[in-house]
Protein backbone atom coordinates (compact mmCIF):
# COMPACT_ATOMS: atom_id res chain seq x y z
CA MET A 1 0.56 0.16 0.03
CA ARG A 2 1.40 2.81 -1.35
CA GLU A 3 1.70 6.29 1.19
CA ARG A 4 -0.50 9.50 0.84
CA THR A 5 1.21 12.24 0.91
CA PRO A 6 0.26 15.96 2.98
CA ASP A 7 -1.94 17.06 0.09
CA GLU A 8 -3.64 14.47 -0.80
CA ARG A 9 -7.91 13.91 0.20
CA PRO A 10 -9.89 10.65 -0.36
CA ASP A 11 -12.20 12.28 -2.05
CA SER A 12 -14.96 10.03 -1.90
CA TRP A 13 -17.74 11.68 -4.41
CA PRO A 14 -14.61 13.83 -6.29
CA ILE A 15 -17.82 15.05 -9.03
CA LEU A 16 -20.36 16.53 -5.54
CA ARG A 17 -17.83 18.66 -4.75
CA SER A 18 -17.12 21.17 -8.81
CA PHE A 19 -18.68 24.40 -9.02
CA LYS A 20 -20.42 23.49 -12.47
CA LEU A 21 -21.57 19.91 -11.33
CA TRP A 22 -23.93 22.51 -8.29
CA ALA A 23 -24.96 24.69 -10.46
CA ILE A 24 -26.27 22.94 -12.52
CA LEU A 25 -27.70 20.91 -9.99
CA THR A 26 -29.08 23.79 -8.84
CA SER A 27 -30.00 25.24 -12.40
CA VAL A 28 -32.22 22.24 -13.11
CA LEU A 29 -34.18 22.41 -10.08
CA LEU A 30 -35.51 25.87 -10.22
CA ILE A 31 -37.00 25.30 -13.98
CA ILE A 32 -39.12 21.95 -12.29
CA ILE A 33 -39.87 23.87 -9.49
CA PHE A 34 -40.40 27.31 -12.40
CA THR A 35 -42.04 25.03 -14.76
CA LEU A 36 -43.86 22.91 -12.28
CA GLN A 37 -45.92 26.76 -10.62
CA ASN A 38 -46.33 28.27 -14.04
CA THR A 39 -49.12 24.97 -16.10
CA ASP A 40 -51.68 27.41 -16.80
CA SER A 41 -52.41 28.29 -20.68
CA VAL A 42 -50.91 31.22 -22.45
CA GLU A 43 -51.74 33.54 -25.27
CA MET A 44 -48.16 33.90 -27.32
CA ARG A 45 -48.05 36.45 -29.53
CA ILE A 46 -44.71 36.86 -32.34
CA LEU A 47 -45.20 38.94 -35.21
CA ILE A 48 -48.19 38.37 -37.09
CA TRP A 49 -48.74 34.63 -34.96
CA SER A 50 -51.24 33.96 -31.86
CA PHE A 51 -51.16 30.99 -30.08
CA THR A 52 -52.16 29.56 -26.48
CA ALA A 53 -50.23 26.70 -25.30
CA SER A 54 -49.04 25.73 -21.71
CA GLY A 55 -46.63 27.99 -19.40
CA ALA A 56 -44.35 25.01 -18.41
CA PHE A 57 -44.08 24.04 -22.62
CA LEU A 58 -43.54 27.76 -23.36
CA VAL A 59 -40.81 27.56 -19.74
CA LEU A 60 -39.13 24.67 -21.08
CA VAL A 61 -38.93 25.23 -25.28
CA ALA A 62 -37.12 28.71 -23.66
CA VAL A 63 -34.53 26.74 -21.89
CA ALA A 64 -34.11 24.18 -24.60
CA LEU A 65 -33.41 27.37 -27.21
CA GLY A 66 -31.16 29.03 -24.23
CA PHE A 67 -28.85 25.02 -24.01
CA ALA A 68 -28.71 25.26 -27.93
CA ALA A 69 -27.82 28.20 -28.43
CA GLY A 70 -24.95 28.28 -25.52
CA TRP A 71 -23.76 24.81 -27.74
CA VAL A 72 -23.70 26.17 -30.66
CA PHE A 73 -21.72 29.47 -29.20
CA ARG A 74 -19.02 27.31 -27.14
CA SER A 75 -18.88 24.72 -30.33
CA ALA A 76 -17.79 27.97 -32.97
CA ARG A 77 -15.43 29.87 -30.55
CA GLY A 78 -14.35 26.42 -29.83
CA HIS A 79 -12.76 26.24 -33.66
CA GLY A 80 -11.63 29.86 -33.69
CA PHE A 81 -14.67 31.22 -34.77
CA ASP A 82 -15.16 34.17 -32.82
CA LEU A 83 -18.57 36.54 -33.00
CA PHE A 84 -18.22 40.05 -30.76
CA GLY A 85 -14.20 40.47 -31.01
């Protein structure tokens, strides 16, 4: 058995110590709570179109669009594409 150096710590759950993971879990929990509290029908108007949908559905669509936009811009940035430079 090898000896541990003083700066090594035993981490039984190292993934739970990640700030990014906690931020994601907190965001998902808040989105779920917000979605469950907004289940009433909502009328949505975009330019000349108008439709009615569940508020929960619209929240989930907005979150999905935000996630997709972040993923696309993050991917583009990783390939040397600078949108604001």
